[in-house]
Amino acid sequence: MTSLTILYVDDDHQHRDLVAQALTGAGHAVTQAADAAAALDHLTKSPFDCVVTDYNMPGDTGAAVARQARVLNPRATVCVVSGHPKEEMTDLPTGTLLMTKPFSVPLLLDVLTPR
């Protein structure tokens, strides 16, 4: 399996830590961010293979993170995770993957793994 660099963005500290630990345990390098502003800062400093972001966060939404990730690295896999209906997230950029919360880490790994 290829080791990926993953930016994981979620304002829920416990959920973020749990998922990041599982992704790290699977052999990936994970950078965590608690909100869109921190994620955007990370995106301007480092390239990531994958960006996984919660949609509903204080400040900017995950759509802002997804848009900037697409601009800075069009080849990155970008996935938004949310408990909100897809119809409420009309501002996601084309090509953004969408997963419903709650999700399993094995499913997330399957979605992120290049084919």
PDB file of N, CA and C in Angstrom:
ATOM      1  N   MET A   1       0.846  -1.179   0.000  1.00  0.00           N
ATOM      2  CA  MET A   1       0.000   0.000   0.000  1.00  0.00           C
ATOM      3  C   MET A   1       0.894   1.245   0.000  1.00  0.00           C
ATOM      4  N   THR A   2       0.479   2.239  -0.727  1.00  0.00           N
ATOM      5  CA  THR A   2       1.193   3.506  -0.813  1.00  0.00           C
ATOM      6  C   THR A   2       0.899   4.353   0.420  1.00  0.00           C
ATOM      7  N   SER A   3       1.935   4.934   0.985  1.00  0.00           N
ATOM      8  CA  SER A   3       1.747   5.845   2.107  1.00  0.00           C
ATOM      9  C   SER A   3       1.311   7.200   1.557  1.00  0.00           C
ATOM     10  N   LEU A   4       0.261   7.767   2.135  1.00  0.00           N
ATOM     11  CA  LEU A   4      -0.291   9.038   1.676  1.00  0.00           C
ATOM     12  C   LEU A   4      -0.034  10.140   2.693  1.00  0.00           C
ATOM     13  N   THR A   5       0.062  11.375   2.213  1.00  0.00           N
ATOM     14  CA  THR A   5       0.060  12.533   3.098  1.00  0.00           C
ATOM     15  C   THR A   5      -1.374  13.056   3.102  1.00  0.00           C
ATOM     16  N   ILE A   6      -1.950  13.125   4.288  1.00  0.00           N
ATOM     17  CA  ILE A   6      -3.365  13.453   4.430  1.00  0.00           C
ATOM     18  C   ILE A   6      -3.528  14.642   5.362  1.00  0.00           C
ATOM     19  N   LEU A   7      -4.315  15.621   4.929  1.00  0.00           N
ATOM     20  CA  LEU A   7      -4.741  16.714   5.794  1.00  0.00           C
ATOM     21  C   LEU A   7      -6.154  16.372   6.249  1.00  0.00           C
ATOM     22  N   TYR A   8      -6.337  16.220   7.569  1.00  0.00           N
ATOM     23  CA  TYR A   8      -7.656  15.876   8.106  1.00  0.00           C
ATOM     24  C   TYR A   8      -8.171  17.064   8.917  1.00  0.00           C
ATOM     25  N   VAL A   9      -9.321  17.597   8.512  1.00  0.00           N
ATOM     26  CA  VAL A   9      -9.870  18.830   9.086  1.00  0.00           C
ATOM     27  C   VAL A   9     -11.225  18.544   9.727  1.00  0.00           C
ATOM     28  N   ASP A  10     -11.325  18.827  11.023  1.00  0.00           N
ATOM     29  CA  ASP A  10     -12.597  18.640  11.728  1.00  0.00           C
ATOM     30  C   ASP A  10     -12.538  19.444  13.018  1.00  0.00           C
ATOM     31  N   ASP A  11     -13.596  20.181  13.323  1.00  0.00           N
ATOM     32  CA  ASP A  11     -13.624  20.970  14.548  1.00  0.00           C
ATOM     33  C   ASP A  11     -13.923  20.128  15.783  1.00  0.00           C
ATOM     34  N   ASP A  12     -14.344  18.892  15.606  1.00  0.00           N
ATOM     35  CA  ASP A  12     -14.589  17.975  16.726  1.00  0.00           C
ATOM     36  C   ASP A  12     -13.255  17.306  17.075  1.00  0.00           C
ATOM     37  N   HIS A  13     -12.634  17.783  18.148  1.00  0.00           N
ATOM     38  CA  HIS A  13     -11.298  17.336  18.551  1.00  0.00           C
ATOM     39  C   HIS A  13     -11.212  15.811  18.719  1.00  0.00           C
ATOM     40  N   GLN A  14     -12.170  15.231  19.424  1.00  0.00           N
ATOM     41  CA  GLN A  14     -12.124  13.785  19.673  1.00  0.00           C
ATOM     42  C   GLN A  14     -12.251  12.985  18.383  1.00  0.00           C
ATOM     43  N   HIS A  15     -13.176  13.377  17.544  1.00  0.00           N
ATOM     44  CA  HIS A  15     -13.362  12.673  16.271  1.00  0.00           C
ATOM     45  C   HIS A  15     -12.125  12.811  15.399  1.00  0.00           C
ATOM     46  N   ARG A  16     -11.578  14.026  15.326  1.00  0.00           N
ATOM     47  CA  ARG A  16     -10.386  14.287  14.524  1.00  0.00           C
ATOM     48  C   ARG A  16      -9.218  13.425  14.992  1.00  0.00           C
ATOM     49  N   ASP A  17      -8.982  13.392  16.302  1.00  0.00           N
ATOM     50  CA  ASP A  17      -7.888  12.586  16.841  1.00  0.00           C
ATOM     51  C   ASP A  17      -8.074  11.105  16.568  1.00  0.00           C
ATOM     52  N   LEU A  18      -9.286  10.628  16.744  1.00  0.00           N
ATOM     53  CA  LEU A  18      -9.580   9.204  16.531  1.00  0.00           C
ATOM     54  C   LEU A  18      -9.314   8.795  15.080  1.00  0.00           C
ATOM     55  N   VAL A  19      -9.825   9.568  14.149  1.00  0.00           N
ATOM     56  CA  VAL A  19      -9.630   9.244  12.727  1.00  0.00           C
ATOM     57  C   VAL A  19      -8.164   9.399  12.342  1.00  0.00           C
ATOM     58  N   ALA A  20      -7.509  10.455  12.829  1.00  0.00           N
ATOM     59  CA  ALA A  20      -6.091  10.672  12.512  1.00  0.00           C
ATOM     60  C   ALA A  20      -5.240   9.512  13.027  1.00  0.00           C
ATOM     61  N   GLN A  21      -5.529   9.025  14.221  1.00  0.00           N
ATOM     62  CA  GLN A  21      -4.782   7.886  14.776  1.00  0.00           C
ATOM     63  C   GLN A  21      -4.977   6.647  13.912  1.00  0.00           C
ATOM     64  N   ALA A  22      -6.196   6.420  13.469  1.00  0.00           N
ATOM     65  CA  ALA A  22      -6.462   5.244  12.632  1.00  0.00           C
ATOM     66  C   ALA A  22      -5.746   5.366  11.287  1.00  0.00           C
ATOM     67  N   LEU A  23      -5.744   6.549  10.700  1.00  0.00           N
ATOM     68  CA  LEU A  23      -5.055   6.752   9.421  1.00  0.00           C
ATOM     69  C   LEU A  23      -3.546   6.606   9.587  1.00  0.00           C
ATOM     70  N   THR A  24      -3.015   7.130  10.688  1.00  0.00           N
ATOM     71  CA  THR A  24      -1.582   6.985  10.975  1.00  0.00           C
ATOM     72  C   THR A  24      -1.241   5.514  11.200  1.00  0.00           C
ATOM     73  N   GLY A  25      -2.105   4.821  11.922  1.00  0.00           N
ATOM     74  CA  GLY A  25      -1.902   3.397  12.166  1.00  0.00           C
ATOM     75  C   GLY A  25      -1.902   2.572  10.890  1.00  0.00           C
ATOM     76  N   ALA A  26      -2.556   3.088   9.866  1.00  0.00           N
ATOM     77  CA  ALA A  26      -2.595   2.413   8.565  1.00  0.00           C
ATOM     78  C   ALA A  26      -1.384   2.781   7.709  1.00  0.00           C
ATOM     79  N   GLY A  27      -0.463   3.585   8.272  1.00  0.00           N
ATOM     80  CA  GLY A  27       0.777   3.890   7.570  1.00  0.00           C
ATOM     81  C   GLY A  27       0.823   5.217   6.837  1.00  0.00           C
ATOM     82  N   HIS A  28      -0.136   6.090   7.093  1.00  0.00           N
ATOM     83  CA  HIS A  28      -0.180   7.373   6.397  1.00  0.00           C
ATOM     84  C   HIS A  28       0.321   8.500   7.301  1.00  0.00           C
ATOM     85  N   ALA A  29       0.822   9.562   6.688  1.00  0.00           N
ATOM     86  CA  ALA A  29       1.261  10.752   7.419  1.00  0.00           C
ATOM     87  C   ALA A  29       0.079  11.713   7.477  1.00  0.00           C
ATOM     88  N   VAL A  30      -0.373  12.025   8.688  1.00  0.00           N
ATOM     89  CA  VAL A  30      -1.581  12.833   8.851  1.00  0.00           C
ATOM     90  C   VAL A  30      -1.252  14.146   9.555  1.00  0.00           C
ATOM     91  N   THR A  31      -1.721  15.241   8.954  1.00  0.00           N
ATOM     92  CA  THR A  31      -1.670  16.560   9.567  1.00  0.00           C
ATOM     93  C   THR A  31      -3.098  16.914   9.930  1.00  0.00           C
ATOM     94  N   GLN A  32      -3.294  17.418  11.149  1.00  0.00           N
ATOM     95  CA  GLN A  32      -4.638  17.758  11.608  1.00  0.00           C
ATOM     96  C   GLN A  32      -4.850  19.265  11.629  1.00  0.00           C
ATOM     97  N   ALA A  33      -6.083  19.663  11.371  1.00  0.00           N
ATOM     98  CA  ALA A  33      -6.481  21.070  11.484  1.00  0.00           C
ATOM     99  C   ALA A  33      -7.871  21.121  12.114  1.00  0.00           C
ATOM    100  N   ALA A  34      -8.075  22.106  13.003  1.00  0.00           N
ATOM    101  CA  ALA A  34      -9.333  22.215  13.737  1.00  0.00           C
ATOM    102  C   ALA A  34     -10.380  23.074  13.042  1.00  0.00           C
ATOM    103  N   ASP A  35      -9.965  23.804  12.006  1.00  0.00           N
ATOM    104  CA  ASP A  35     -10.927  24.649  11.298  1.00  0.00           C
ATOM    105  C   ASP A  35     -10.384  24.978   9.913  1.00  0.00           C
ATOM    106  N   ALA A  36     -11.197  25.668   9.130  1.00  0.00           N
ATOM    107  CA  ALA A  36     -10.816  25.984   7.749  1.00  0.00           C
ATOM    108  C   ALA A  36      -9.595  26.887   7.692  1.00  0.00           C
ATOM    109  N   ALA A  37      -9.496  27.861   8.603  1.00  0.00           N
ATOM    110  CA  ALA A  37      -8.356  28.778   8.586  1.00  0.00           C
ATOM    111  C   ALA A  37      -7.043  28.022   8.780  1.00  0.00           C
ATOM    112  N   ALA A  38      -7.006  27.110   9.738  1.00  0.00           N
ATOM    113  CA  ALA A  38      -5.795  26.312   9.969  1.00  0.00           C
ATOM    114  C   ALA A  38      -5.522  25.404   8.772  1.00  0.00           C
ATOM    115  N   ALA A  39      -6.564  24.846   8.194  1.00  0.00           N
ATOM    116  CA  ALA A  39      -6.395  23.982   7.023  1.00  0.00           C
ATOM    117  C   ALA A  39      -5.814  24.764   5.853  1.00  0.00           C
ATOM    118  N   LEU A  40      -6.332  25.959   5.618  1.00  0.00           N
ATOM    119  CA  LEU A  40      -5.839  26.778   4.513  1.00  0.00           C
ATOM    120  C   LEU A  40      -4.375  27.146   4.721  1.00  0.00           C
ATOM    121  N   ASP A  41      -3.980  27.381   5.963  1.00  0.00           N
ATOM    122  CA  ASP A  41      -2.587  27.661   6.276  1.00  0.00           C
ATOM    123  C   ASP A  41      -1.711  26.446   5.927  1.00  0.00           C
ATOM    124  N   HIS A  42      -2.136  25.257   6.335  1.00  0.00           N
ATOM    125  CA  HIS A  42      -1.394  24.031   6.009  1.00  0.00           C
ATOM    126  C   HIS A  42      -1.307  23.823   4.497  1.00  0.00           C
ATOM    127  N   LEU A  43      -2.395  24.078   3.802  1.00  0.00           N
ATOM    128  CA  LEU A  43      -2.421  23.860   2.349  1.00  0.00           C
ATOM    129  C   LEU A  43      -1.434  24.756   1.605  1.00  0.00           C
ATOM    130  N   THR A  44      -1.218  25.960   2.114  1.00  0.00           N
ATOM    131  CA  THR A  44      -0.275  26.865   1.444  1.00  0.00           C
ATOM    132  C   THR A  44       1.177  26.514   1.742  1.00  0.00           C
ATOM    133  N   LYS A  45       1.402  25.715   2.783  1.00  0.00           N
ATOM    134  CA  LYS A  45       2.770  25.374   3.188  1.00  0.00           C
ATOM    135  C   LYS A  45       3.235  24.010   2.692  1.00  0.00           C
ATOM    136  N   SER A  46       2.305  23.088   2.487  1.00  0.00           N
ATOM    137  CA  SER A  46       2.681  21.715   2.141  1.00  0.00           C
ATOM    138  C   SER A  46       1.694  21.120   1.142  1.00  0.00           C
ATOM    139  N   PRO A  47       2.208  20.313   0.224  1.00  0.00           N
ATOM    140  CA  PRO A  47       1.295  19.584  -0.663  1.00  0.00           C
ATOM    141  C   PRO A  47       0.785  18.321   0.056  1.00  0.00           C
ATOM    142  N   PHE A  48      -0.440  17.966  -0.195  1.00  0.00           N
ATOM    143  CA  PHE A  48      -1.032  16.759   0.390  1.00  0.00           C
ATOM    144  C   PHE A  48      -1.582  15.890  -0.733  1.00  0.00           C
ATOM    145  N   ASP A  49      -1.480  14.580  -0.552  1.00  0.00           N
ATOM    146  CA  ASP A  49      -2.095  13.653  -1.501  1.00  0.00           C
ATOM    147  C   ASP A  49      -3.610  13.680  -1.361  1.00  0.00           C
ATOM    148  N   CYS A  50      -4.064  13.842  -0.116  1.00  0.00           N
ATOM    149  CA  CYS A  50      -5.502  13.806   0.178  1.00  0.00           C
ATOM    150  C   CYS A  50      -5.852  14.883   1.197  1.00  0.00           C
ATOM    151  N   VAL A  51      -7.024  15.458   1.010  1.00  0.00           N
ATOM    152  CA  VAL A  51      -7.575  16.406   1.978  1.00  0.00           C
ATOM    153  C   VAL A  51      -8.963  15.904   2.339  1.00  0.00           C
ATOM    154  N   VAL A  52      -9.164  15.665   3.630  1.00  0.00           N
ATOM    155  CA  VAL A  52     -10.469  15.221   4.128  1.00  0.00           C
ATOM    156  C   VAL A  52     -10.936  16.295   5.095  1.00  0.00           C
ATOM    157  N   THR A  53     -12.108  16.852   4.842  1.00  0.00           N
ATOM    158  CA  THR A  53     -12.592  17.942   5.672  1.00  0.00           C
ATOM    159  C   THR A  53     -14.059  17.790   6.026  1.00  0.00           C
ATOM    160  N   ASP A  54     -14.363  18.133   7.264  1.00  0.00           N
ATOM    161  CA  ASP A  54     -15.748  18.241   7.683  1.00  0.00           C
ATOM    162  C   ASP A  54     -16.348  19.415   6.905  1.00  0.00           C
ATOM    163  N   TYR A  55     -17.640  19.368   6.680  1.00  0.00           N
ATOM    164  CA  TYR A  55     -18.278  20.467   5.949  1.00  0.00           C
ATOM    165  C   TYR A  55     -18.649  21.618   6.877  1.00  0.00           C
ATOM    166  N   ASN A  56     -19.338  21.316   7.956  1.00  0.00           N
ATOM    167  CA  ASN A  56     -19.875  22.358   8.831  1.00  0.00           C
ATOM    168  C   ASN A  56     -18.907  22.620   9.979  1.00  0.00           C
ATOM    169  N   MET A  57     -18.208  23.766   9.900  1.00  0.00           N
ATOM    170  CA  MET A  57     -17.252  24.165  10.933  1.00  0.00           C
ATOM    171  C   MET A  57     -17.422  25.647  11.198  1.00  0.00           C
ATOM    172  N   PRO A  58     -16.952  26.121  12.357  1.00  0.00           N
ATOM    173  CA  PRO A  58     -16.987  27.565  12.599  1.00  0.00           C
ATOM    174  C   PRO A  58     -16.158  28.301  11.544  1.00  0.00           C
ATOM    175  N   GLY A  59     -16.589  29.475  11.158  1.00  0.00           N
ATOM    176  CA  GLY A  59     -15.883  30.224  10.113  1.00  0.00           C
ATOM    177  C   GLY A  59     -16.255  29.670   8.753  1.00  0.00           C
ATOM    178  N   ASP A  60     -15.270  29.471   7.904  1.00  0.00           N
ATOM    179  CA  ASP A  60     -15.523  28.921   6.572  1.00  0.00           C
ATOM    180  C   ASP A  60     -15.926  27.456   6.646  1.00  0.00           C
ATOM    181  N   THR A  61     -16.656  27.014   5.645  1.00  0.00           N
ATOM    182  CA  THR A  61     -17.062  25.614   5.583  1.00  0.00           C
ATOM    183  C   THR A  61     -15.969  24.770   4.918  1.00  0.00           C
ATOM    184  N   GLY A  62     -16.210  23.477   4.906  1.00  0.00           N
ATOM    185  CA  GLY A  62     -15.308  22.568   4.219  1.00  0.00           C
ATOM    186  C   GLY A  62     -15.241  22.836   2.727  1.00  0.00           C
ATOM    187  N   ALA A  63     -16.240  23.507   2.171  1.00  0.00           N
ATOM    188  CA  ALA A  63     -16.209  23.845   0.747  1.00  0.00           C
ATOM    189  C   ALA A  63     -15.052  24.790   0.446  1.00  0.00           C
ATOM    190  N   ALA A  64     -14.769  25.722   1.347  1.00  0.00           N
ATOM    191  CA  ALA A  64     -13.635  26.640   1.155  1.00  0.00           C
ATOM    192  C   ALA A  64     -12.324  25.872   1.170  1.00  0.00           C
ATOM    193  N   VAL A  65     -12.228  24.898   2.063  1.00  0.00           N
ATOM    194  CA  VAL A  65     -11.027  24.054   2.126  1.00  0.00           C
ATOM    195  C   VAL A  65     -10.899  23.257   0.831  1.00  0.00           C
ATOM    196  N   ALA A  66     -11.999  22.666   0.384  1.00  0.00           N
ATOM    197  CA  ALA A  66     -11.983  21.858  -0.843  1.00  0.00           C
ATOM    198  C   ALA A  66     -11.583  22.705  -2.055  1.00  0.00           C
ATOM    199  N   ARG A  67     -12.127  23.919  -2.157  1.00  0.00           N
ATOM    200  CA  ARG A  67     -11.788  24.800  -3.287  1.00  0.00           C
ATOM    201  C   ARG A  67     -10.297  25.135  -3.296  1.00  0.00           C
ATOM    202  N   GLN A  68      -9.758  25.507  -2.138  1.00  0.00           N
ATOM    203  CA  GLN A  68      -8.344  25.880  -2.074  1.00  0.00           C
ATOM    204  C   GLN A  68      -7.449  24.667  -2.329  1.00  0.00           C
ATOM    205  N   ALA A  69      -7.843  23.507  -1.835  1.00  0.00           N
ATOM    206  CA  ALA A  69      -7.069  22.287  -2.086  1.00  0.00           C
ATOM    207  C   ALA A  69      -7.016  22.007  -3.583  1.00  0.00           C
ATOM    208  N   ARG A  70      -8.121  22.208  -4.283  1.00  0.00           N
ATOM    209  CA  ARG A  70      -8.182  22.000  -5.733  1.00  0.00           C
ATOM    210  C   ARG A  70      -7.290  22.985  -6.482  1.00  0.00           C
ATOM    211  N   VAL A  71      -7.263  24.244  -6.027  1.00  0.00           N
ATOM    212  CA  VAL A  71      -6.437  25.266  -6.670  1.00  0.00           C
ATOM    213  C   VAL A  71      -4.957  24.938  -6.492  1.00  0.00           C
ATOM    214  N   LEU A  72      -4.572  24.602  -5.272  1.00  0.00           N
ATOM    215  CA  LEU A  72      -3.158  24.383  -4.967  1.00  0.00           C
ATOM    216  C   LEU A  72      -2.625  23.045  -5.456  1.00  0.00           C
ATOM    217  N   ASN A  73      -3.481  22.032  -5.496  1.00  0.00           N
ATOM    218  CA  ASN A  73      -3.041  20.709  -5.944  1.00  0.00           C
ATOM    219  C   ASN A  73      -4.208  19.998  -6.632  1.00  0.00           C
ATOM    220  N   PRO A  74      -4.403  20.254  -7.913  1.00  0.00           N
ATOM    221  CA  PRO A  74      -5.540  19.668  -8.624  1.00  0.00           C
ATOM    222  C   PRO A  74      -5.558  18.138  -8.628  1.00  0.00           C
ATOM    223  N   ARG A  75      -4.413  17.518  -8.374  1.00  0.00           N
ATOM    224  CA  ARG A  75      -4.347  16.046  -8.382  1.00  0.00           C
ATOM    225  C   ARG A  75      -4.728  15.418  -7.041  1.00  0.00           C
ATOM    226  N   ALA A  76      -4.825  16.220  -5.997  1.00  0.00           N
ATOM    227  CA  ALA A  76      -5.139  15.691  -4.672  1.00  0.00           C
ATOM    228  C   ALA A  76      -6.557  15.132  -4.647  1.00  0.00           C
ATOM    229  N   THR A  77      -6.729  14.081  -3.880  1.00  0.00           N
ATOM    230  CA  THR A  77      -8.068  13.564  -3.603  1.00  0.00           C
ATOM    231  C   THR A  77      -8.668  14.447  -2.526  1.00  0.00           C
ATOM    232  N   VAL A  78      -9.849  14.987  -2.777  1.00  0.00           N
ATOM    233  CA  VAL A  78     -10.507  15.859  -1.809  1.00  0.00           C
ATOM    234  C   VAL A  78     -11.844  15.236  -1.444  1.00  0.00           C
ATOM    235  N   CYS A  79     -12.035  15.057  -0.136  1.00  0.00           N
ATOM    236  CA  CYS A  79     -13.248  14.403   0.357  1.00  0.00           C
ATOM    237  C   CYS A  79     -13.850  15.247   1.469  1.00  0.00           C
ATOM    238  N   VAL A  80     -15.128  15.531   1.356  1.00  0.00           N
ATOM    239  CA  VAL A  80     -15.871  16.241   2.394  1.00  0.00           C
ATOM    240  C   VAL A  80     -16.719  15.224   3.131  1.00  0.00           C
ATOM    241  N   VAL A  81     -16.658  15.279   4.469  1.00  0.00           N
ATOM    242  CA  VAL A  81     -17.475  14.388   5.292  1.00  0.00           C
ATOM    243  C   VAL A  81     -18.488  15.240   6.048  1.00  0.00           C
ATOM    244  N   SER A  82     -19.713  14.769   6.101  1.00  0.00           N
ATOM    245  CA  SER A  82     -20.750  15.572   6.737  1.00  0.00           C
ATOM    246  C   SER A  82     -21.959  14.732   7.092  1.00  0.00           C
ATOM    247  N   GLY A  83     -22.661  15.191   8.097  1.00  0.00           N
ATOM    248  CA  GLY A  83     -23.940  14.599   8.442  1.00  0.00           C
ATOM    249  C   GLY A  83     -25.098  15.335   7.790  1.00  0.00           C
ATOM    250  N   HIS A  84     -24.794  16.395   7.046  1.00  0.00           N
ATOM    251  CA  HIS A  84     -25.821  17.194   6.373  1.00  0.00           C
ATOM    252  C   HIS A  84     -26.215  16.554   5.043  1.00  0.00           C
ATOM    253  N   PRO A  85     -27.450  16.771   4.601  1.00  0.00           N
ATOM    254  CA  PRO A  85     -27.862  16.258   3.288  1.00  0.00           C
ATOM    255  C   PRO A  85     -27.033  16.874   2.162  1.00  0.00           C
ATOM    256  N   LYS A  86     -26.766  16.078   1.156  1.00  0.00           N
ATOM    257  CA  LYS A  86     -25.972  16.514   0.003  1.00  0.00           C
ATOM    258  C   LYS A  86     -26.563  17.772  -0.637  1.00  0.00           C
ATOM    259  N   GLU A  87     -27.867  17.894  -0.641  1.00  0.00           N
ATOM    260  CA  GLU A  87     -28.541  19.037  -1.266  1.00  0.00           C
ATOM    261  C   GLU A  87     -28.191  20.357  -0.581  1.00  0.00           C
ATOM    262  N   GLU A  88     -27.721  20.312   0.658  1.00  0.00           N
ATOM    263  CA  GLU A  88     -27.342  21.528   1.378  1.00  0.00           C
ATOM    264  C   GLU A  88     -25.911  21.963   1.062  1.00  0.00           C
ATOM    265  N   MET A  89     -25.178  21.152   0.315  1.00  0.00           N
ATOM    266  CA  MET A  89     -23.770  21.438   0.043  1.00  0.00           C
ATOM    267  C   MET A  89     -23.548  21.695  -1.444  1.00  0.00           C
ATOM    268  N   THR A  90     -24.253  22.665  -1.963  1.00  0.00           N
ATOM    269  CA  THR A  90     -24.183  22.971  -3.396  1.00  0.00           C
ATOM    270  C   THR A  90     -22.925  23.738  -3.777  1.00  0.00           C
ATOM    271  N   ASP A  91     -22.140  24.158  -2.787  1.00  0.00           N
ATOM    272  CA  ASP A  91     -20.952  24.970  -3.058  1.00  0.00           C
ATOM    273  C   ASP A  91     -19.659  24.159  -3.155  1.00  0.00           C
ATOM    274  N   LEU A  92     -19.764  22.841  -3.210  1.00  0.00           N
ATOM    275  CA  LEU A  92     -18.568  22.001  -3.325  1.00  0.00           C
ATOM    276  C   LEU A  92     -18.023  22.040  -4.750  1.00  0.00           C
ATOM    277  N   PRO A  93     -16.694  22.098  -4.884  1.00  0.00           N
ATOM    278  CA  PRO A  93     -16.128  22.100  -6.238  1.00  0.00           C
ATOM    279  C   PRO A  93     -16.303  20.750  -6.927  1.00  0.00           C
ATOM    280  N   THR A  94     -16.333  20.786  -8.233  1.00  0.00           N
ATOM    281  CA  THR A  94     -16.451  19.574  -9.039  1.00  0.00           C
ATOM    282  C   THR A  94     -15.321  18.614  -8.689  1.00  0.00           C
ATOM    283  N   GLY A  95     -15.649  17.346  -8.593  1.00  0.00           N
ATOM    284  CA  GLY A  95     -14.649  16.320  -8.313  1.00  0.00           C
ATOM    285  C   GLY A  95     -14.448  16.040  -6.839  1.00  0.00           C
ATOM    286  N   THR A  96     -15.165  16.748  -5.982  1.00  0.00           N
ATOM    287  CA  THR A  96     -15.046  16.520  -4.546  1.00  0.00           C
ATOM    288  C   THR A  96     -15.850  15.281  -4.169  1.00  0.00           C
ATOM    289  N   LEU A  97     -15.210  14.376  -3.451  1.00  0.00           N
ATOM    290  CA  LEU A  97     -15.910  13.193  -2.951  1.00  0.00           C
ATOM    291  C   LEU A  97     -16.707  13.595  -1.725  1.00  0.00           C
ATOM    292  N   LEU A  98     -17.775  12.880  -1.460  1.00  0.00           N
ATOM    293  CA  LEU A  98     -18.632  13.187  -0.321  1.00  0.00           C
ATOM    294  C   LEU A  98     -18.930  11.910   0.436  1.00  0.00           C
ATOM    295  N   MET A  99     -18.668  11.930   1.743  1.00  0.00           N
ATOM    296  CA  MET A  99     -18.978  10.793   2.606  1.00  0.00           C
ATOM    297  C   MET A  99     -19.891  11.274   3.720  1.00  0.00           C
ATOM    298  N   THR A 100     -20.821  10.429   4.095  1.00  0.00           N
ATOM    299  CA  THR A 100     -21.764  10.755   5.155  1.00  0.00           C
ATOM    300  C   THR A 100     -21.207  10.318   6.504  1.00  0.00           C
ATOM    301  N   LYS A 101     -21.328  11.205   7.499  1.00  0.00           N
ATOM    302  CA  LYS A 101     -20.976  10.853   8.873  1.00  0.00           C
ATOM    303  C   LYS A 101     -22.163  10.141   9.489  1.00  0.00           C
ATOM    304  N   PRO A 102     -21.970   9.162  10.290  1.00  0.00           N
ATOM    305  CA  PRO A 102     -20.694   8.553  10.634  1.00  0.00           C
ATOM    306  C   PRO A 102     -20.202   7.654   9.495  1.00  0.00           C
ATOM    307  N   PHE A 103     -18.894   7.501   9.410  1.00  0.00           N
ATOM    308  CA  PHE A 103     -18.290   6.653   8.395  1.00  0.00           C
ATOM    309  C   PHE A 103     -17.272   5.746   9.068  1.00  0.00           C
ATOM    310  N   SER A 104     -16.910   4.692   8.386  1.00  0.00           N
ATOM    311  CA  SER A 104     -15.889   3.799   8.927  1.00  0.00           C
ATOM    312  C   SER A 104     -14.539   4.187   8.352  1.00  0.00           C
ATOM    313  N   VAL A 105     -13.499   4.033   9.147  1.00  0.00           N
ATOM    314  CA  VAL A 105     -12.157   4.351   8.678  1.00  0.00           C
ATOM    315  C   VAL A 105     -11.747   3.438   7.524  1.00  0.00           C
ATOM    316  N   PRO A 106     -12.066   2.129   7.564  1.00  0.00           N
ATOM    317  CA  PRO A 106     -11.728   1.300   6.399  1.00  0.00           C
ATOM    318  C   PRO A 106     -12.366   1.813   5.102  1.00  0.00           C
ATOM    319  N   LEU A 107     -13.597   2.292   5.171  1.00  0.00           N
ATOM    320  CA  LEU A 107     -14.237   2.852   3.978  1.00  0.00           C
ATOM    321  C   LEU A 107     -13.509   4.119   3.535  1.00  0.00           C
ATOM    322  N   LEU A 108     -13.142   4.980   4.474  1.00  0.00           N
ATOM    323  CA  LEU A 108     -12.398   6.196   4.136  1.00  0.00           C
ATOM    324  C   LEU A 108     -11.071   5.831   3.473  1.00  0.00           C
ATOM    325  N   LEU A 109     -10.367   4.858   4.030  1.00  0.00           N
ATOM    326  CA  LEU A 109      -9.098   4.429   3.439  1.00  0.00           C
ATOM    327  C   LEU A 109      -9.303   3.905   2.025  1.00  0.00           C
ATOM    328  N   ASP A 110     -10.381   3.178   1.808  1.00  0.00           N
ATOM    329  CA  ASP A 110     -10.672   2.650   0.483  1.00  0.00           C
ATOM    330  C   ASP A 110     -10.920   3.796  -0.498  1.00  0.00           C
ATOM    331  N   VAL A 111     -11.640   4.803  -0.075  1.00  0.00           N
ATOM    332  CA  VAL A 111     -11.952   5.963  -0.927  1.00  0.00           C
ATOM    333  C   VAL A 111     -10.678   6.734  -1.262  1.00  0.00           C
ATOM    334  N   LEU A 112      -9.770   6.861  -0.300  1.00  0.00           N
ATOM    335  CA  LEU A 112      -8.567   7.674  -0.487  1.00  0.00           C
ATOM    336  C   LEU A 112      -7.450   6.967  -1.242  1.00  0.00           C
ATOM    337  N   THR A 113      -7.459   5.654  -1.255  1.00  0.00           N
ATOM    338  CA  THR A 113      -6.362   4.891  -1.858  1.00  0.00           C
ATOM    339  C   THR A 113      -6.405   4.997  -3.378  1.00  0.00           C
ATOM    340  N   PRO A 114      -5.288   5.463  -3.954  1.00  0.00           N
ATOM    341  CA  PRO A 114      -5.240   5.563  -5.423  1.00  0.00           C
ATOM    342  C   PRO A 114      -5.366   4.188  -6.085  1.00  0.00           C
ATOM    343  N   ARG A 115      -6.001   4.169  -7.221  1.00  0.00           N
ATOM    344  CA  ARG A 115      -6.178   2.910  -7.963  1.00  0.00           C
ATOM    345  C   ARG A 115      -5.209   2.859  -9.115  1.00  0.00           C
TER     346      ARG A 115
END
